[in-house]
Amino acid sequence: MNPIAMISINLLAVYFVFWLIRPINFAKFMPYTPTQAMFLKIVIAIICGYLLASFFMSMTNWVLDMPNMVNNLSK
């Protein structure tokens, strides 16, 4: 897969996860450290976004490799 496409997918996935968790108020869980709560939200978005992007890139590679696997099995 093209490295530019991989970086784009990773950035989109991180942004998507950040958009999903944006309404969650982490400051309620961490009332004495609101700055750390903000950074926790960013770190969670990066980690989950990376995992989401990795999942979709792996699935894409598996689907693209499927015809080769079928051809190799039929030989």
Protein backbone atom coordinates (compact mmCIF):
# COMPACT_ATOMS: atom_id res chain seq x y z
CA MET A 1 0.00 0.00 0.00
CA ASN A 2 1.17 3.51 -0.79
CA PRO A 3 2.79 5.26 2.24
CA ILE A 4 0.88 8.47 1.55
CA ALA A 5 -2.39 6.54 1.59
CA MET A 6 -1.39 4.84 4.84
CA ILE A 7 -0.58 8.17 6.52
CA SER A 8 -3.85 9.64 5.25
CA ILE A 9 -5.87 6.71 6.56
CA ASN A 10 -4.13 6.95 9.94
CA LEU A 11 -4.79 10.69 10.22
CA LEU A 12 -8.42 10.29 9.19
CA ALA A 13 -8.94 7.49 11.70
CA VAL A 14 -7.35 9.51 14.53
CA TYR A 15 -9.54 12.50 13.68
CA PHE A 16 -12.63 10.27 13.49
CA VAL A 17 -11.95 8.73 16.91
CA PHE A 18 -11.25 12.18 18.37
CA TRP A 19 -14.56 13.38 16.93
CA LEU A 20 -16.29 10.36 18.50
CA ILE A 21 -14.89 10.89 22.00
CA ARG A 22 -15.13 14.68 21.95
CA PRO A 23 -18.44 14.79 23.88
CA ILE A 24 -17.00 12.70 26.73
CA ASN A 25 -16.05 14.96 29.63
CA PHE A 26 -12.84 13.47 30.99
CA ALA A 27 -12.56 16.41 33.41
CA LYS A 28 -15.38 14.80 35.43
CA PHE A 29 -13.18 11.76 35.99
CA MET A 30 -10.12 13.89 36.68
CA PRO A 31 -11.45 17.09 38.31
CA TYR A 32 -8.11 18.23 39.77
CA THR A 33 -6.13 17.87 36.55
CA PRO A 34 -8.18 19.19 33.60
CA THR A 35 -5.07 19.65 31.44
CA GLN A 36 -4.12 16.02 31.88
CA ALA A 37 -7.71 15.06 31.06
CA MET A 38 -7.39 16.93 27.75
CA PHE A 39 -4.12 15.15 26.93
CA LEU A 40 -5.66 11.82 27.91
CA LYS A 41 -8.38 12.41 25.33
CA ILE A 42 -5.74 13.11 22.68
CA VAL A 43 -3.71 10.01 23.57
CA ILE A 44 -6.80 7.80 23.54
CA ALA A 45 -7.76 9.20 20.12
CA ILE A 46 -4.27 8.49 18.74
CA ILE A 47 -4.16 4.93 20.09
CA CYS A 48 -7.67 3.97 19.01
CA GLY A 49 -7.31 5.74 15.66
CA TYR A 50 -4.11 3.86 14.92
CA LEU A 51 -5.77 0.55 15.78
CA LEU A 52 -8.79 1.39 13.62
CA ALA A 53 -6.60 2.37 10.66
CA SER A 54 -4.47 -0.76 11.06
CA PHE A 55 -7.60 -2.89 11.03
CA PHE A 56 -8.89 -1.33 7.81
CA MET A 57 -5.51 -1.50 6.09
CA SER A 58 -5.12 -5.17 7.03
CA MET A 59 -8.61 -5.98 5.80
CA THR A 60 -7.89 -4.17 2.52
CA ASN A 61 -4.67 -6.12 2.03
CA TRP A 62 -6.41 -9.41 2.79
CA VAL A 63 -9.19 -8.68 0.32
CA LEU A 64 -6.68 -7.68 -2.38
CA ASP A 65 -4.66 -10.87 -1.77
CA MET A 66 -7.73 -13.12 -1.90
CA PRO A 67 -7.63 -13.77 -5.70
CA ASN A 68 -3.98 -14.83 -5.48
CA MET A 69 -4.80 -17.26 -2.67
CA VAL A 70 -7.68 -18.77 -4.65
CA ASN A 71 -5.49 -19.15 -7.74
CA ASN A 72 -2.73 -20.83 -5.72
CA LEU A 73 -5.17 -23.27 -4.13
CA SER A 74 -6.64 -24.31 -7.49
CA LYS A 75 -3.24 -25.30 -8.91
